[in-house]
N, C-alpha and C. Protein backbone atom coordinates (compact mmCIF):
# COMPACT_ATOMS: atom_id res chain seq x y z
N MET A 1 18.26 -11.19 -5.78
CA MET A 1 17.20 -10.32 -5.31
C MET A 1 15.90 -11.00 -5.33
N LYS A 2 15.26 -11.06 -4.26
CA LYS A 2 13.77 -11.75 -4.24
C LYS A 2 12.66 -10.74 -4.47
N ASN A 3 11.65 -11.39 -5.06
CA ASN A 3 10.36 -10.60 -5.21
C ASN A 3 9.56 -10.73 -3.93
N ILE A 4 9.26 -9.71 -3.21
CA ILE A 4 8.38 -9.73 -1.99
C ILE A 4 7.25 -8.74 -2.19
N LEU A 5 6.04 -9.33 -1.75
CA LEU A 5 4.90 -8.56 -1.72
C LEU A 5 4.31 -8.43 -0.46
N VAL A 6 4.04 -7.12 -0.08
CA VAL A 6 3.39 -6.85 1.19
C VAL A 6 1.91 -6.61 0.84
N ILE A 7 1.01 -7.32 1.57
CA ILE A 7 -0.46 -7.05 1.30
C ILE A 7 -1.05 -6.38 2.49
N SER A 8 -1.82 -5.29 2.34
CA SER A 8 -2.51 -4.70 3.38
C SER A 8 -3.94 -4.77 3.01
N GLN A 9 -4.78 -5.08 4.21
CA GLN A 9 -6.20 -5.17 3.96
C GLN A 9 -6.89 -4.35 5.01
N HIS A 10 -6.31 -3.87 6.01
CA HIS A 10 -6.98 -3.17 7.16
C HIS A 10 -6.97 -1.74 6.91
N GLY A 11 -7.98 -1.13 7.51
CA GLY A 11 -8.13 0.45 7.39
C GLY A 11 -7.00 1.14 7.88
N PRO A 12 -6.84 2.44 7.49
CA PRO A 12 -5.73 3.14 8.07
C PRO A 12 -5.87 3.52 9.48
N PHE A 13 -6.98 3.48 9.96
CA PHE A 13 -7.10 3.85 11.51
C PHE A 13 -7.44 2.63 12.24
N ASP A 14 -7.34 1.48 11.69
CA ASP A 14 -7.44 0.17 12.44
C ASP A 14 -6.24 -0.30 12.95
N ASP A 15 -5.86 0.15 14.23
CA ASP A 15 -4.69 -0.25 14.95
C ASP A 15 -3.50 0.39 14.06
N GLN A 16 -2.48 -0.40 13.99
CA GLN A 16 -1.20 -0.02 13.31
C GLN A 16 -0.86 -0.80 12.04
N HIS A 17 -1.93 -1.38 11.49
CA HIS A 17 -1.61 -2.43 10.32
C HIS A 17 -1.03 -1.64 9.19
N ILE A 18 -1.45 -0.46 8.79
CA ILE A 18 -0.89 0.18 7.68
C ILE A 18 0.44 0.75 7.98
N ARG A 19 0.64 1.13 9.12
CA ARG A 19 2.08 1.69 9.50
C ARG A 19 3.10 0.53 9.59
N GLU A 20 2.61 -0.67 9.99
CA GLU A 20 3.48 -1.83 9.91
C GLU A 20 3.82 -2.26 8.53
N SER A 21 2.78 -2.19 7.78
CA SER A 21 3.00 -2.62 6.28
C SER A 21 3.96 -1.55 5.59
N LEU A 22 3.90 -0.34 5.89
CA LEU A 22 4.70 0.72 5.37
C LEU A 22 6.11 0.52 5.89
N ASP A 23 6.29 0.24 7.17
CA ASP A 23 7.65 0.07 7.61
C ASP A 23 8.25 -1.18 7.13
N THR A 24 7.38 -2.24 6.92
CA THR A 24 7.95 -3.56 6.44
C THR A 24 8.35 -3.30 4.82
N THR A 25 7.58 -2.54 4.12
CA THR A 25 8.00 -2.20 2.71
C THR A 25 9.31 -1.43 2.63
N LEU A 26 9.43 -0.50 3.59
CA LEU A 26 10.67 0.41 3.48
C LEU A 26 11.89 -0.44 3.93
N ILE A 27 11.67 -1.48 4.93
CA ILE A 27 12.79 -2.32 5.28
C ILE A 27 13.25 -3.14 4.11
N PHE A 28 12.38 -3.75 3.43
CA PHE A 28 12.76 -4.57 2.34
C PHE A 28 13.41 -3.66 1.20
N ALA A 29 12.96 -2.65 1.03
CA ALA A 29 13.51 -1.73 -0.01
C ALA A 29 14.95 -1.37 0.36
N ALA A 30 15.13 -1.08 1.70
CA ALA A 30 16.41 -0.70 2.17
C ALA A 30 17.47 -1.84 2.04
N ILE A 31 17.00 -3.14 2.01
CA ILE A 31 17.93 -4.23 1.71
C ILE A 31 17.91 -4.65 0.39
N GLU A 32 17.41 -3.81 -0.47
CA GLU A 32 17.46 -4.01 -1.99
C GLU A 32 16.83 -5.22 -2.46
N GLN A 33 15.58 -5.44 -1.88
CA GLN A 33 14.80 -6.48 -2.50
C GLN A 33 13.72 -5.80 -3.45
N ASN A 34 13.23 -6.75 -4.45
CA ASN A 34 12.22 -6.19 -5.29
C ASN A 34 10.83 -6.29 -4.66
N ILE A 35 10.44 -5.06 -4.02
CA ILE A 35 9.33 -4.97 -3.23
C ILE A 35 8.20 -4.37 -3.85
N SER A 36 6.98 -4.98 -3.67
CA SER A 36 5.71 -4.61 -4.14
C SER A 36 4.74 -4.41 -2.90
N TRP A 37 3.85 -3.46 -3.07
CA TRP A 37 2.91 -3.26 -1.94
C TRP A 37 1.39 -3.40 -2.64
N LEU A 38 0.64 -4.23 -2.01
CA LEU A 38 -0.84 -4.27 -2.65
C LEU A 38 -1.79 -3.92 -1.50
N LEU A 39 -2.58 -2.88 -1.77
CA LEU A 39 -3.56 -2.44 -0.76
C LEU A 39 -4.93 -2.87 -1.32
N SER A 40 -5.59 -3.49 -0.52
CA SER A 40 -7.07 -3.88 -0.94
C SER A 40 -8.00 -3.65 0.25
N GLY A 41 -9.35 -3.72 0.04
CA GLY A 41 -10.27 -3.49 1.08
C GLY A 41 -9.98 -2.06 1.61
N GLU A 42 -10.30 -1.92 2.91
CA GLU A 42 -10.28 -0.68 3.58
C GLU A 42 -8.89 -0.03 3.45
N ALA A 43 -7.84 -0.74 3.17
CA ALA A 43 -6.52 -0.29 3.28
C ALA A 43 -6.29 0.79 2.06
N VAL A 44 -7.16 0.73 1.11
CA VAL A 44 -6.90 1.74 -0.08
C VAL A 44 -7.16 3.15 0.53
N LEU A 45 -7.94 3.21 1.69
CA LEU A 45 -8.16 4.55 2.30
C LEU A 45 -6.98 5.15 2.83
N ALA A 46 -5.91 4.44 3.08
CA ALA A 46 -4.65 5.02 3.48
C ALA A 46 -4.08 6.12 2.47
N LEU A 47 -4.50 5.66 1.30
CA LEU A 47 -3.83 6.47 0.05
C LEU A 47 -4.67 7.66 -0.32
N LYS A 48 -5.80 7.87 0.34
CA LYS A 48 -6.68 9.03 -0.01
C LYS A 48 -6.10 10.37 0.43
N LYS A 49 -6.27 11.24 -0.49
CA LYS A 49 -5.80 12.68 -0.30
C LYS A 49 -6.57 13.36 0.81
N ASN A 50 -5.90 14.29 1.40
CA ASN A 50 -6.42 15.35 2.37
C ASN A 50 -6.95 14.70 3.67
N GLN A 51 -6.26 13.60 4.04
CA GLN A 51 -6.56 13.16 5.39
C GLN A 51 -5.96 13.95 6.45
N GLN A 52 -6.64 13.99 7.68
CA GLN A 52 -6.14 14.81 8.73
C GLN A 52 -6.15 13.93 10.06
N PRO A 53 -5.24 12.88 10.16
CA PRO A 53 -5.23 12.04 11.30
C PRO A 53 -4.94 12.72 12.63
N GLU A 54 -4.27 13.99 12.54
CA GLU A 54 -4.01 14.76 13.78
C GLU A 54 -5.18 14.99 14.49
N GLN A 55 -6.33 15.21 13.90
CA GLN A 55 -7.64 15.51 14.46
C GLN A 55 -8.14 14.40 15.26
N LEU A 56 -7.68 13.12 15.04
CA LEU A 56 -8.02 11.97 15.76
C LEU A 56 -6.95 11.72 16.75
N GLY A 57 -5.92 12.45 16.85
CA GLY A 57 -4.97 12.25 17.92
C GLY A 57 -3.93 11.25 17.34
N ILE A 58 -3.77 11.06 16.10
CA ILE A 58 -3.00 10.04 15.44
C ILE A 58 -1.88 10.70 14.74
N LYS A 59 -0.66 10.20 14.82
CA LYS A 59 0.45 10.74 14.11
C LYS A 59 0.25 10.56 12.70
N ASN A 60 0.57 11.59 11.86
CA ASN A 60 0.51 11.56 10.43
C ASN A 60 1.63 10.78 9.71
N TYR A 61 1.50 9.46 9.60
CA TYR A 61 2.40 8.70 8.90
C TYR A 61 2.12 8.58 7.33
N PHE A 62 1.00 9.17 7.01
CA PHE A 62 0.70 9.10 5.51
C PHE A 62 1.69 9.94 4.66
N LYS A 63 2.35 10.98 5.38
CA LYS A 63 3.35 11.71 4.60
C LYS A 63 4.46 10.73 4.18
N THR A 64 4.77 9.69 5.05
CA THR A 64 5.86 8.84 4.71
C THR A 64 5.51 7.97 3.54
N ILE A 65 4.38 7.74 3.30
CA ILE A 65 4.00 7.00 2.10
C ILE A 65 4.39 7.64 0.83
N LYS A 66 4.42 9.05 0.83
CA LYS A 66 4.86 9.78 -0.34
C LYS A 66 6.31 9.57 -0.57
N THR A 67 7.05 9.13 0.34
CA THR A 67 8.61 8.98 0.15
C THR A 67 8.98 7.58 -0.40
N LEU A 68 8.02 6.82 -0.49
CA LEU A 68 8.35 5.40 -1.19
C LEU A 68 9.22 5.44 -2.47
N GLU A 69 8.91 6.25 -3.24
CA GLU A 69 9.63 6.29 -4.57
C GLU A 69 11.12 6.77 -4.25
N LEU A 70 11.42 7.42 -3.24
CA LEU A 70 12.75 7.75 -2.82
C LEU A 70 13.54 6.44 -2.58
N TYR A 71 12.73 5.35 -2.04
CA TYR A 71 13.52 4.11 -1.70
C TYR A 71 13.19 3.19 -2.95
N ASP A 72 12.92 3.70 -4.02
CA ASP A 72 12.74 2.87 -5.31
C ASP A 72 11.67 1.86 -5.16
N VAL A 73 10.62 2.17 -4.28
CA VAL A 73 9.42 1.44 -4.26
C VAL A 73 8.36 1.94 -5.25
N GLU A 74 8.52 1.31 -6.36
CA GLU A 74 7.63 1.79 -7.54
C GLU A 74 6.48 0.96 -7.78
N ASN A 75 6.38 -0.32 -7.29
CA ASN A 75 5.30 -1.20 -7.60
C ASN A 75 4.34 -1.25 -6.38
N ILE A 76 3.50 -0.25 -6.48
CA ILE A 76 2.33 -0.07 -5.49
C ILE A 76 1.05 -0.28 -6.31
N TYR A 77 0.37 -1.31 -5.73
CA TYR A 77 -0.82 -1.76 -6.46
C TYR A 77 -2.14 -1.43 -5.49
N VAL A 78 -3.19 -1.19 -6.12
CA VAL A 78 -4.48 -1.12 -5.33
C VAL A 78 -5.46 -2.10 -6.02
N CYS A 79 -6.44 -2.55 -5.26
CA CYS A 79 -7.49 -3.43 -5.75
C CYS A 79 -8.35 -2.50 -6.48
N GLU A 80 -8.67 -2.87 -7.84
CA GLU A 80 -9.67 -2.12 -8.59
C GLU A 80 -11.03 -2.14 -7.87
N LYS A 81 -11.48 -3.20 -7.39
CA LYS A 81 -12.80 -3.38 -6.83
C LYS A 81 -12.97 -2.51 -5.48
N SER A 82 -11.84 -2.50 -4.72
CA SER A 82 -11.79 -1.65 -3.50
C SER A 82 -11.99 -0.21 -3.86
N LEU A 83 -11.10 0.33 -4.96
CA LEU A 83 -11.33 1.73 -5.31
C LEU A 83 -12.77 2.03 -5.61
N MET A 84 -13.47 1.10 -6.36
CA MET A 84 -14.93 1.32 -6.67
C MET A 84 -15.79 1.29 -5.45
N ASP A 85 -15.52 0.32 -4.58
CA ASP A 85 -16.29 0.22 -3.37
C ASP A 85 -16.29 1.47 -2.57
N PHE A 86 -15.12 2.16 -2.47
CA PHE A 86 -14.97 3.41 -1.66
C PHE A 86 -14.98 4.77 -2.56
N ASN A 87 -15.42 4.66 -3.85
CA ASN A 87 -15.73 5.64 -4.71
C ASN A 87 -14.48 6.52 -4.92
N LEU A 88 -13.27 5.83 -5.06
CA LEU A 88 -12.16 6.53 -5.20
C LEU A 88 -11.54 6.26 -6.66
N THR A 89 -10.73 7.27 -7.13
CA THR A 89 -10.09 7.09 -8.36
C THR A 89 -8.56 7.36 -8.22
N GLN A 90 -7.82 6.93 -9.20
CA GLN A 90 -6.32 7.08 -9.06
C GLN A 90 -6.02 8.61 -8.80
N GLU A 91 -6.74 9.57 -9.25
CA GLU A 91 -6.54 10.93 -9.07
C GLU A 91 -6.85 11.33 -7.64
N SER A 92 -7.67 10.62 -6.84
CA SER A 92 -7.96 10.92 -5.48
C SER A 92 -6.94 10.40 -4.46
N LEU A 93 -5.79 9.78 -5.02
CA LEU A 93 -4.88 9.17 -4.16
C LEU A 93 -3.58 9.97 -4.00
N ILE A 94 -2.91 9.85 -2.93
CA ILE A 94 -1.74 10.75 -2.74
C ILE A 94 -0.47 10.27 -3.46
N ILE A 95 -0.50 9.06 -4.08
CA ILE A 95 0.66 8.62 -4.90
C ILE A 95 0.19 7.95 -6.16
N ASP A 96 1.08 7.76 -6.98
CA ASP A 96 0.68 6.99 -8.32
C ASP A 96 0.67 5.58 -7.89
N VAL A 97 -0.21 4.82 -8.41
CA VAL A 97 -0.37 3.44 -8.20
C VAL A 97 -0.75 2.64 -9.40
N LYS A 98 -0.69 1.37 -9.31
CA LYS A 98 -1.11 0.53 -10.40
C LYS A 98 -2.38 -0.20 -9.86
N VAL A 99 -3.55 0.07 -10.80
CA VAL A 99 -4.79 -0.67 -10.38
C VAL A 99 -4.85 -2.04 -10.92
N ALA A 100 -5.17 -3.00 -9.93
CA ALA A 100 -4.99 -4.42 -10.38
C ALA A 100 -6.53 -4.99 -10.14
N ASN A 101 -6.89 -5.80 -11.09
CA ASN A 101 -8.17 -6.51 -10.96
C ASN A 101 -7.69 -7.82 -10.26
N PHE A 102 -8.73 -8.61 -9.99
CA PHE A 102 -8.43 -9.93 -9.31
C PHE A 102 -7.54 -10.82 -9.98
N GLU A 103 -7.65 -10.94 -11.31
CA GLU A 103 -6.74 -11.83 -12.07
C GLU A 103 -5.31 -11.25 -12.04
N GLN A 104 -5.14 -10.05 -12.09
CA GLN A 104 -3.82 -9.27 -12.03
C GLN A 104 -3.26 -9.47 -10.70
N GLN A 105 -4.13 -9.45 -9.66
CA GLN A 105 -3.64 -9.64 -8.15
C GLN A 105 -3.14 -11.00 -8.09
N ARG A 106 -3.90 -12.00 -8.62
CA ARG A 106 -3.35 -13.36 -8.53
C ARG A 106 -2.15 -13.54 -9.15
N ASP A 107 -2.00 -13.07 -10.38
CA ASP A 107 -0.73 -13.13 -11.17
C ASP A 107 0.37 -12.51 -10.35
N LEU A 108 0.20 -11.44 -9.80
CA LEU A 108 1.24 -10.71 -9.01
C LEU A 108 1.71 -11.55 -7.84
N ILE A 109 0.67 -12.20 -7.12
CA ILE A 109 1.04 -13.00 -6.01
C ILE A 109 1.86 -14.15 -6.44
N SER A 110 1.49 -14.77 -7.57
CA SER A 110 2.17 -16.04 -8.07
C SER A 110 3.57 -15.69 -8.54
N GLN A 111 4.02 -14.41 -8.71
CA GLN A 111 5.28 -14.10 -9.16
C GLN A 111 6.24 -13.78 -8.00
N GLN A 112 5.78 -13.92 -6.73
CA GLN A 112 6.55 -13.54 -5.54
C GLN A 112 7.29 -14.70 -5.02
N HIS A 113 8.51 -14.44 -4.29
CA HIS A 113 9.14 -15.42 -3.55
C HIS A 113 8.46 -15.54 -2.09
N GLN A 114 8.05 -14.35 -1.75
CA GLN A 114 7.53 -14.16 -0.25
C GLN A 114 6.38 -13.16 -0.32
N VAL A 115 5.33 -13.56 0.32
CA VAL A 115 4.18 -12.70 0.66
C VAL A 115 3.89 -12.49 2.02
N VAL A 116 3.89 -11.16 2.35
CA VAL A 116 3.64 -10.90 3.87
C VAL A 116 2.34 -10.14 3.82
N THR A 117 1.48 -10.61 4.72
CA THR A 117 0.11 -10.08 4.82
C THR A 117 -0.07 -9.40 6.23
N LEU A 118 -0.25 -8.13 6.18
CA LEU A 118 -0.36 -7.46 7.56
C LEU A 118 -1.68 -6.62 7.62
């Protein structure tokens, strides 16, 4: 089993980057890889509670994020600084996450066999 990290840095309404990251994470989980997902920058906004993308004419794929634990995707990380930049807390997110500072993110990346940035 390989350690694979998907890194997301784009906002949830910036093209389909978050959707592609979510799909990639689910695919790796389905083939039983040790998958982790790190959201930093505007990507942390994809985890914010009470979003209504339908009002923007966008399909609500945020509900799918909640199913990650069904696929044994338990290693979901968010950048500590990004949470602070957007005035978010762990309680304001739709799923449980691990908050990682820059040093922890560097360590996480160094432990991976593959890193996919979307």
